[in-house]
């Protein structure tokens, strides 16, 4: 059953930190604007495919591991 989703994260702590740092750096470099609000941080990214993929991938990776 190689296609099953693992129950636990398969990345080591170091690999997970490196992956999160890479994705976070990509996300931050794509930001056009952001502001701090009392209840969150709205942000604007370009409407190109790469920026949207990075913005979608970051929370998915946090959820997955």
Protein backbone atom coordinates (compact mmCIF):
# COMPACT_ATOMS: atom_id res chain seq x y z
CA UNK A 1 0.00 0.00 0.00
CA UNK A 2 2.61 2.54 -1.11
CA UNK A 3 -0.07 5.11 -2.02
CA UNK A 4 -1.37 5.49 1.54
CA UNK A 5 -0.82 8.77 3.36
CA UNK A 6 1.57 8.29 6.29
CA UNK A 7 0.13 8.69 9.77
CA UNK A 8 3.20 10.57 10.97
CA UNK A 9 5.51 13.02 9.25
CA UNK A 10 8.33 11.23 7.42
CA UNK A 11 10.76 14.15 7.68
CA UNK A 12 13.39 14.35 10.38
CA UNK A 13 13.30 17.41 12.66
CA UNK A 14 16.18 18.95 10.70
CA UNK A 15 14.53 18.24 7.32
CA UNK A 16 11.25 19.72 8.56
CA UNK A 17 12.94 22.90 9.84
CA UNK A 18 14.83 23.28 6.56
CA UNK A 19 11.64 22.71 4.51
CA UNK A 20 9.66 25.24 6.56
CA UNK A 21 12.47 27.80 6.34
CA UNK A 22 12.67 27.39 2.56
CA UNK A 23 8.91 27.72 2.07
CA UNK A 24 8.69 30.66 4.47
CA UNK A 25 11.50 32.48 2.64
CA UNK A 26 9.78 31.87 -0.71
CA UNK A 27 6.48 33.13 0.70
CA UNK A 28 8.03 36.26 2.21
CA UNK A 29 9.83 37.08 -1.04
CA UNK A 30 6.52 36.84 -2.93
CA UNK A 31 4.64 39.28 -0.65
CA UNK A 32 3.50 42.50 -2.25
CA UNK A 33 1.90 44.01 0.85
CA UNK A 34 1.05 42.93 4.37
CA UNK A 35 -0.16 44.57 7.55
CA UNK A 36 -0.65 43.57 11.15
CA UNK A 37 -4.20 43.62 12.46
CA UNK A 38 -5.57 42.76 15.86
CA UNK A 39 -6.99 39.48 14.51
CA UNK A 40 -4.47 38.46 11.85
CA UNK A 41 -2.23 39.49 8.99
CA UNK A 42 -3.81 40.09 5.58
CA UNK A 43 -1.34 39.87 2.74
CA UNK A 44 -1.24 40.35 -1.00
CA UNK A 45 0.76 38.21 -3.39
CA UNK A 46 1.14 38.40 -7.16
CA UNK A 47 -1.46 36.51 -9.17
CA UNK A 48 1.13 34.36 -10.91
CA UNK A 49 1.16 30.58 -10.62
CA UNK A 50 4.39 30.30 -8.57
CA UNK A 51 3.29 32.77 -5.86
CA UNK A 52 -0.09 31.05 -5.53
CA UNK A 53 1.54 27.62 -5.31
CA UNK A 54 3.90 28.80 -2.54
CA UNK A 55 1.03 30.44 -0.62
CA UNK A 56 -1.00 27.23 -0.82
CA UNK A 57 1.91 24.91 -0.05
CA UNK A 58 3.01 26.57 3.19
CA UNK A 59 -0.09 25.86 5.33
CA UNK A 60 -0.46 22.41 3.73
CA UNK A 61 3.08 21.48 4.79
CA UNK A 62 2.43 22.70 8.33
CA UNK A 63 -0.77 20.64 8.47
CA UNK A 64 0.90 17.55 6.97
CA UNK A 65 3.75 17.40 9.49
